[in-house]
């Protein structure tokens, strides 16, 4: 369970009198991405495949077109 914690051996501490603060500390995670130029290149390749298939560019806010565009991006 990610929301549990342990505090270890407390036998050498004084008597607990109440109150206290717990702070969540998240472990840093390194995320790797392709370069911007590589992402742009793939994006334009996907747009080109889409345009060749449908003789049009994807319409803004059209989920069906966007699903097809993502499909082409995965094909590359």
PDB file of N, CA and C in Angstrom:
ATOM      1  N   UNK A   1       0.854  -1.187   0.000  1.00  0.00           N
ATOM      2  CA  UNK A   1       0.000   0.000   0.000  1.00  0.00           C
ATOM      3  C   UNK A   1       0.894   1.242   0.000  1.00  0.00           C
ATOM      4  N   UNK A   2       0.746   2.125  -0.982  1.00  0.00           N
ATOM      5  CA  UNK A   2       1.639   3.287  -1.078  1.00  0.00           C
ATOM      6  C   UNK A   2       1.393   4.343  -0.001  1.00  0.00           C
ATOM      7  N   UNK A   3       0.306   4.240   0.743  1.00  0.00           N
ATOM      8  CA  UNK A   3      -0.015   5.260   1.741  1.00  0.00           C
ATOM      9  C   UNK A   3       0.250   4.788   3.170  1.00  0.00           C
ATOM     10  N   UNK A   4       1.119   3.817   3.342  1.00  0.00           N
ATOM     11  CA  UNK A   4       1.505   3.375   4.677  1.00  0.00           C
ATOM     12  C   UNK A   4       2.965   3.735   4.907  1.00  0.00           C
ATOM     13  N   UNK A   5       3.338   3.807   6.154  1.00  0.00           N
ATOM     14  CA  UNK A   5       4.732   4.089   6.470  1.00  0.00           C
ATOM     15  C   UNK A   5       5.079   3.461   7.814  1.00  0.00           C
ATOM     16  N   UNK A   6       6.365   3.339   8.068  1.00  0.00           N
ATOM     17  CA  UNK A   6       6.840   2.848   9.359  1.00  0.00           C
ATOM     18  C   UNK A   6       7.775   3.899   9.938  1.00  0.00           C
ATOM     19  N   UNK A   7       7.888   3.913  11.242  1.00  0.00           N
ATOM     20  CA  UNK A   7       8.752   4.906  11.884  1.00  0.00           C
ATOM     21  C   UNK A   7       9.938   4.274  12.596  1.00  0.00           C
ATOM     22  N   UNK A   8      10.031   2.975  12.556  1.00  0.00           N
ATOM     23  CA  UNK A   8      11.188   2.310  13.139  1.00  0.00           C
ATOM     24  C   UNK A   8      11.105   2.181  14.657  1.00  0.00           C
ATOM     25  N   UNK A   9      12.242   1.881  15.257  1.00  0.00           N
ATOM     26  CA  UNK A   9      12.330   1.637  16.702  1.00  0.00           C
ATOM     27  C   UNK A   9      12.215   2.960  17.464  1.00  0.00           C
ATOM     28  N   UNK A  10      11.229   3.063  18.349  1.00  0.00           N
ATOM     29  CA  UNK A  10      11.012   4.294  19.121  1.00  0.00           C
ATOM     30  C   UNK A  10      11.255   4.088  20.619  1.00  0.00           C
ATOM     31  N   UNK A  11      11.888   2.992  20.995  1.00  0.00           N
ATOM     32  CA  UNK A  11      12.080   2.685  22.423  1.00  0.00           C
ATOM     33  C   UNK A  11      12.949   3.722  23.137  1.00  0.00           C
ATOM     34  N   UNK A  12      13.841   4.369  22.422  1.00  0.00           N
ATOM     35  CA  UNK A  12      14.736   5.346  23.045  1.00  0.00           C
ATOM     36  C   UNK A  12      14.158   6.758  23.057  1.00  0.00           C
ATOM     37  N   UNK A  13      12.950   6.939  22.536  1.00  0.00           N
ATOM     38  CA  UNK A  13      12.306   8.252  22.535  1.00  0.00           C
ATOM     39  C   UNK A  13      11.564   8.456  23.840  1.00  0.00           C
ATOM     40  N   UNK A  14      11.209   9.713  24.120  1.00  0.00           N
ATOM     41  CA  UNK A  14      10.417  10.021  25.307  1.00  0.00           C
ATOM     42  C   UNK A  14       8.984   9.536  25.139  1.00  0.00           C
ATOM     43  N   UNK A  15       8.167   9.774  26.147  1.00  0.00           N
ATOM     44  CA  UNK A  15       6.765   9.359  26.142  1.00  0.00           C
ATOM     45  C   UNK A  15       5.999  10.210  25.129  1.00  0.00           C
ATOM     46  N   UNK A  16       5.173   9.556  24.315  1.00  0.00           N
ATOM     47  CA  UNK A  16       4.356  10.259  23.318  1.00  0.00           C
ATOM     48  C   UNK A  16       3.281  11.065  24.026  1.00  0.00           C
ATOM     49  N   UNK A  17       3.202  12.359  23.706  1.00  0.00           N
ATOM     50  CA  UNK A  17       2.228  13.229  24.360  1.00  0.00           C
ATOM     51  C   UNK A  17       1.169  13.730  23.387  1.00  0.00           C
ATOM     52  N   UNK A  18       1.187  13.294  22.144  1.00  0.00           N
ATOM     53  CA  UNK A  18       0.164  13.683  21.173  1.00  0.00           C
ATOM     54  C   UNK A  18       0.691  14.664  20.147  1.00  0.00           C
ATOM     55  N   UNK A  19      -0.047  14.777  19.068  1.00  0.00           N
ATOM     56  CA  UNK A  19       0.229  15.706  17.973  1.00  0.00           C
ATOM     57  C   UNK A  19       1.430  15.228  17.151  1.00  0.00           C
ATOM     58  N   UNK A  20       1.728  15.958  16.115  1.00  0.00           N
ATOM     59  CA  UNK A  20       2.829  15.606  15.233  1.00  0.00           C
ATOM     60  C   UNK A  20       2.477  15.936  13.796  1.00  0.00           C
ATOM     61  N   UNK A  21       3.438  15.891  12.944  1.00  0.00           N
ATOM     62  CA  UNK A  21       3.239  16.211  11.535  1.00  0.00           C
ATOM     63  C   UNK A  21       3.881  15.133  10.683  1.00  0.00           C
ATOM     64  N   UNK A  22       3.179  14.740   9.643  1.00  0.00           N
ATOM     65  CA  UNK A  22       3.708  13.800   8.662  1.00  0.00           C
ATOM     66  C   UNK A  22       3.718  14.512   7.321  1.00  0.00           C
ATOM     67  N   UNK A  23       4.820  14.450   6.625  1.00  0.00           N
ATOM     68  CA  UNK A  23       4.944  15.080   5.319  1.00  0.00           C
ATOM     69  C   UNK A  23       5.239  14.013   4.283  1.00  0.00           C
ATOM     70  N   UNK A  24       4.483  14.040   3.187  1.00  0.00           N
ATOM     71  CA  UNK A  24       4.719  13.086   2.102  1.00  0.00           C
ATOM     72  C   UNK A  24       5.889  13.575   1.266  1.00  0.00           C
ATOM     73  N   UNK A  25       6.845  12.711   1.051  1.00  0.00           N
ATOM     74  CA  UNK A  25       7.999  13.026   0.223  1.00  0.00           C
ATOM     75  C   UNK A  25       8.000  12.040  -0.926  1.00  0.00           C
ATOM     76  N   UNK A  26       7.924  12.569  -2.131  1.00  0.00           N
ATOM     77  CA  UNK A  26       7.898  11.697  -3.305  1.00  0.00           C
ATOM     78  C   UNK A  26       9.316  11.506  -3.832  1.00  0.00           C
ATOM     79  N   UNK A  27       9.601  10.292  -4.215  1.00  0.00           N
ATOM     80  CA  UNK A  27      10.907   9.963  -4.770  1.00  0.00           C
ATOM     81  C   UNK A  27      10.996  10.532  -6.182  1.00  0.00           C
ATOM     82  N   UNK A  28      12.100  11.166  -6.485  1.00  0.00           N
ATOM     83  CA  UNK A  28      12.304  11.719  -7.821  1.00  0.00           C
ATOM     84  C   UNK A  28      12.370  10.595  -8.849  1.00  0.00           C
ATOM     85  N   UNK A  29      11.775  10.844  -9.986  1.00  0.00           N
ATOM     86  CA  UNK A  29      11.773   9.852 -11.052  1.00  0.00           C
ATOM     87  C   UNK A  29      12.277  10.512 -12.327  1.00  0.00           C
ATOM     88  N   UNK A  30      13.249   9.907 -12.954  1.00  0.00           N
ATOM     89  CA  UNK A  30      13.798  10.440 -14.191  1.00  0.00           C
ATOM     90  C   UNK A  30      12.981   9.928 -15.366  1.00  0.00           C
ATOM     91  N   UNK A  31      12.551  10.854 -16.212  1.00  0.00           N
ATOM     92  CA  UNK A  31      11.755  10.512 -17.386  1.00  0.00           C
ATOM     93  C   UNK A  31      12.551  10.935 -18.613  1.00  0.00           C
ATOM     94  N   UNK A  32      12.667  10.046 -19.573  1.00  0.00           N
ATOM     95  CA  UNK A  32      13.432  10.332 -20.783  1.00  0.00           C
ATOM     96  C   UNK A  32      12.484  10.526 -21.963  1.00  0.00           C
ATOM     97  N   UNK A  33      12.749  11.529 -22.763  1.00  0.00           N
ATOM     98  CA  UNK A  33      11.962  11.819 -23.951  1.00  0.00           C
ATOM     99  C   UNK A  33      12.889  11.859 -25.159  1.00  0.00           C
ATOM    100  N   UNK A  34      12.294  11.664 -26.322  1.00  0.00           N
ATOM    101  CA  UNK A  34      13.057  11.875 -27.547  1.00  0.00           C
ATOM    102  C   UNK A  34      13.277  13.381 -27.700  1.00  0.00           C
ATOM    103  N   UNK A  35      14.204  13.759 -28.550  1.00  0.00           N
ATOM    104  CA  UNK A  35      14.466  15.177 -28.763  1.00  0.00           C
ATOM    105  C   UNK A  35      13.260  15.832 -29.435  1.00  0.00           C
ATOM    106  N   UNK A  36      13.171  17.145 -29.304  1.00  0.00           N
ATOM    107  CA  UNK A  36      12.074  17.888 -29.921  1.00  0.00           C
ATOM    108  C   UNK A  36      12.091  17.704 -31.435  1.00  0.00           C
ATOM    109  N   UNK A  37      13.269  17.730 -32.040  1.00  0.00           N
ATOM    110  CA  UNK A  37      13.334  17.585 -33.495  1.00  0.00           C
ATOM    111  C   UNK A  37      12.859  16.199 -33.929  1.00  0.00           C
ATOM    112  N   UNK A  38      13.184  15.162 -33.163  1.00  0.00           N
ATOM    113  CA  UNK A  38      12.716  13.810 -33.499  1.00  0.00           C
ATOM    114  C   UNK A  38      11.200  13.714 -33.352  1.00  0.00           C
ATOM    115  N   UNK A  39      10.644  14.320 -32.295  1.00  0.00           N
ATOM    116  CA  UNK A  39       9.191  14.316 -32.112  1.00  0.00           C
ATOM    117  C   UNK A  39       8.482  15.066 -33.231  1.00  0.00           C
ATOM    118  N   UNK A  40       9.024  16.218 -33.610  1.00  0.00           N
ATOM    119  CA  UNK A  40       8.417  16.980 -34.708  1.00  0.00           C
ATOM    120  C   UNK A  40       8.474  16.197 -36.012  1.00  0.00           C
ATOM    121  N   UNK A  41       9.604  15.546 -36.259  1.00  0.00           N
ATOM    122  CA  UNK A  41       9.751  14.760 -37.485  1.00  0.00           C
ATOM    123  C   UNK A  41       8.697  13.655 -37.548  1.00  0.00           C
ATOM    124  N   UNK A  42       8.533  12.911 -36.454  1.00  0.00           N
ATOM    125  CA  UNK A  42       7.521  11.853 -36.417  1.00  0.00           C
ATOM    126  C   UNK A  42       6.113  12.420 -36.565  1.00  0.00           C
ATOM    127  N   UNK A  43       5.864  13.566 -35.946  1.00  0.00           N
ATOM    128  CA  UNK A  43       4.534  14.180 -36.038  1.00  0.00           C
ATOM    129  C   UNK A  43       4.197  14.543 -37.475  1.00  0.00           C
ATOM    130  N   UNK A  44       5.148  15.132 -38.184  1.00  0.00           N
ATOM    131  CA  UNK A  44       4.886  15.506 -39.572  1.00  0.00           C
ATOM    132  C   UNK A  44       4.782  14.283 -40.477  1.00  0.00           C
ATOM    133  N   UNK A  45       5.520  13.233 -40.167  1.00  0.00           N
ATOM    134  CA  UNK A  45       5.358  11.990 -40.930  1.00  0.00           C
ATOM    135  C   UNK A  45       3.952  11.429 -40.734  1.00  0.00           C
ATOM    136  N   UNK A  46       3.463  11.446 -39.502  1.00  0.00           N
ATOM    137  CA  UNK A  46       2.103  10.983 -39.227  1.00  0.00           C
ATOM    138  C   UNK A  46       1.063  11.832 -39.929  1.00  0.00           C
ATOM    139  N   UNK A  47       1.250  13.156 -39.906  1.00  0.00           N
ATOM    140  CA  UNK A  47       0.322  14.044 -40.613  1.00  0.00           C
ATOM    141  C   UNK A  47       0.327  13.763 -42.110  1.00  0.00           C
ATOM    142  N   UNK A  48       1.497  13.498 -42.648  1.00  0.00           N
ATOM    143  CA  UNK A  48       1.596  13.195 -44.074  1.00  0.00           C
ATOM    144  C   UNK A  48       0.853  11.906 -44.419  1.00  0.00           C
ATOM    145  N   UNK A  49       1.019  10.860 -43.602  1.00  0.00           N
ATOM    146  CA  UNK A  49       0.281   9.615 -43.835  1.00  0.00           C
ATOM    147  C   UNK A  49      -1.221   9.842 -43.749  1.00  0.00           C
ATOM    148  N   UNK A  50      -1.647  10.616 -42.759  1.00  0.00           N
ATOM    149  CA  UNK A  50      -3.069  10.921 -42.587  1.00  0.00           C
ATOM    150  C   UNK A  50      -3.594  11.666 -43.809  1.00  0.00           C
ATOM    151  N   UNK A  51      -2.846  12.677 -44.248  1.00  0.00           N
ATOM    152  CA  UNK A  51      -3.286  13.490 -45.387  1.00  0.00           C
ATOM    153  C   UNK A  51      -3.340  12.659 -46.665  1.00  0.00           C
ATOM    154  N   UNK A  52      -2.412  11.746 -46.848  1.00  0.00           N
ATOM    155  CA  UNK A  52      -2.447  10.874 -48.027  1.00  0.00           C
ATOM    156  C   UNK A  52      -3.661   9.951 -47.997  1.00  0.00           C
ATOM    157  N   UNK A  53      -4.053   9.501 -46.812  1.00  0.00           N
ATOM    158  CA  UNK A  53      -5.192   8.592 -46.682  1.00  0.00           C
ATOM    159  C   UNK A  53      -6.528   9.307 -46.870  1.00  0.00           C
ATOM    160  N   UNK A  54      -6.680  10.499 -46.269  1.00  0.00           N
ATOM    161  CA  UNK A  54      -7.982  11.177 -46.227  1.00  0.00           C
ATOM    162  C   UNK A  54      -8.059  12.424 -47.104  1.00  0.00           C
ATOM    163  N   UNK A  55      -6.968  12.771 -47.782  1.00  0.00           N
ATOM    164  CA  UNK A  55      -6.921  13.986 -48.606  1.00  0.00           C
ATOM    165  C   UNK A  55      -7.318  15.222 -47.809  1.00  0.00           C
ATOM    166  N   UNK A  56      -7.010  15.245 -46.545  1.00  0.00           N
ATOM    167  CA  UNK A  56      -7.299  16.382 -45.670  1.00  0.00           C
ATOM    168  C   UNK A  56      -6.464  16.241 -44.406  1.00  0.00           C
ATOM    169  N   UNK A  57      -6.296  17.358 -43.727  1.00  0.00           N
ATOM    170  CA  UNK A  57      -5.635  17.321 -42.425  1.00  0.00           C
ATOM    171  C   UNK A  57      -6.683  17.076 -41.345  1.00  0.00           C
ATOM    172  N   UNK A  58      -6.297  16.573 -40.187  1.00  0.00           N
ATOM    173  CA  UNK A  58      -7.273  16.327 -39.120  1.00  0.00           C
ATOM    174  C   UNK A  58      -7.971  17.623 -38.702  1.00  0.00           C
ATOM    175  N   UNK A  59      -9.263  17.542 -38.499  1.00  0.00           N
ATOM    176  CA  UNK A  59     -10.019  18.712 -38.049  1.00  0.00           C
ATOM    177  C   UNK A  59      -9.789  18.910 -36.556  1.00  0.00           C
ATOM    178  N   UNK A  60      -9.687  20.170 -36.124  1.00  0.00           N
ATOM    179  CA  UNK A  60      -9.537  20.420 -34.688  1.00  0.00           C
ATOM    180  C   UNK A  60     -10.725  19.869 -33.907  1.00  0.00           C
ATOM    181  N   UNK A  61     -10.464  19.307 -32.756  1.00  0.00           N
ATOM    182  CA  UNK A  61     -11.469  18.792 -31.816  1.00  0.00           C
ATOM    183  C   UNK A  61     -12.264  17.619 -32.364  1.00  0.00           C
ATOM    184  N   UNK A  62     -11.774  16.963 -33.419  1.00  0.00           N
ATOM    185  CA  UNK A  62     -12.457  15.796 -33.973  1.00  0.00           C
ATOM    186  C   UNK A  62     -11.749  14.548 -33.440  1.00  0.00           C
ATOM    187  N   UNK A  63     -12.368  13.898 -32.465  1.00  0.00           N
ATOM    188  CA  UNK A  63     -11.737  12.751 -31.805  1.00  0.00           C
ATOM    189  C   UNK A  63     -11.472  11.592 -32.751  1.00  0.00           C
ATOM    190  N   UNK A  64     -12.350  11.370 -33.716  1.00  0.00           N
ATOM    191  CA  UNK A  64     -12.156  10.261 -34.662  1.00  0.00           C
ATOM    192  C   UNK A  64     -10.898  10.498 -35.485  1.00  0.00           C
ATOM    193  N   UNK A  65     -10.718  11.716 -35.989  1.00  0.00           N
ATOM    194  CA  UNK A  65      -9.514  12.032 -36.758  1.00  0.00           C
ATOM    195  C   UNK A  65      -8.270  11.899 -35.886  1.00  0.00           C
ATOM    196  N   UNK A  66      -8.366  12.319 -34.638  1.00  0.00           N
ATOM    197  CA  UNK A  66      -7.190  12.253 -33.768  1.00  0.00           C
ATOM    198  C   UNK A  66      -6.803  10.811 -33.463  1.00  0.00           C
ATOM    199  N   UNK A  67      -7.786   9.949 -33.307  1.00  0.00           N
ATOM    200  CA  UNK A  67      -7.493   8.528 -33.085  1.00  0.00           C
ATOM    201  C   UNK A  67      -6.776   7.950 -34.299  1.00  0.00           C
ATOM    202  N   UNK A  68      -7.233   8.313 -35.488  1.00  0.00           N
ATOM    203  CA  UNK A  68      -6.579   7.833 -36.712  1.00  0.00           C
ATOM    204  C   UNK A  68      -5.160   8.381 -36.808  1.00  0.00           C
ATOM    205  N   UNK A  69      -4.973   9.649 -36.456  1.00  0.00           N
ATOM    206  CA  UNK A  69      -3.639  10.239 -36.507  1.00  0.00           C
ATOM    207  C   UNK A  69      -2.695   9.522 -35.539  1.00  0.00           C
ATOM    208  N   UNK A  70      -3.143   9.244 -34.324  1.00  0.00           N
ATOM    209  CA  UNK A  70      -2.303   8.518 -33.373  1.00  0.00           C
ATOM    210  C   UNK A  70      -1.984   7.120 -33.884  1.00  0.00           C
ATOM    211  N   UNK A  71      -2.928   6.497 -34.562  1.00  0.00           N
ATOM    212  CA  UNK A  71      -2.676   5.185 -35.155  1.00  0.00           C
ATOM    213  C   UNK A  71      -1.527   5.280 -36.157  1.00  0.00           C
ATOM    214  N   UNK A  72      -1.542   6.313 -37.001  1.00  0.00           N
ATOM    215  CA  UNK A  72      -0.462   6.483 -37.977  1.00  0.00           C
ATOM    216  C   UNK A  72       0.871   6.747 -37.280  1.00  0.00           C
ATOM    217  N   UNK A  73       0.839   7.483 -36.188  1.00  0.00           N
ATOM    218  CA  UNK A  73       2.086   7.750 -35.464  1.00  0.00           C
ATOM    219  C   UNK A  73       2.676   6.464 -34.888  1.00  0.00           C
ATOM    220  N   UNK A  74       1.815   5.535 -34.470  1.00  0.00           N
ATOM    221  CA  UNK A  74       2.315   4.261 -33.945  1.00  0.00           C
ATOM    222  C   UNK A  74       2.835   3.361 -35.060  1.00  0.00           C
ATOM    223  N   UNK A  75       2.372   3.574 -36.275  1.00  0.00           N
ATOM    224  CA  UNK A  75       2.857   2.766 -37.399  1.00  0.00           C
ATOM    225  C   UNK A  75       4.288   3.128 -37.792  1.00  0.00           C
ATOM    226  N   UNK A  76       4.668   4.350 -37.513  1.00  0.00           N
ATOM    227  CA  UNK A  76       5.988   4.830 -37.952  1.00  0.00           C
ATOM    228  C   UNK A  76       7.084   4.179 -37.117  1.00  0.00           C
TER     229      UNK A  76
END
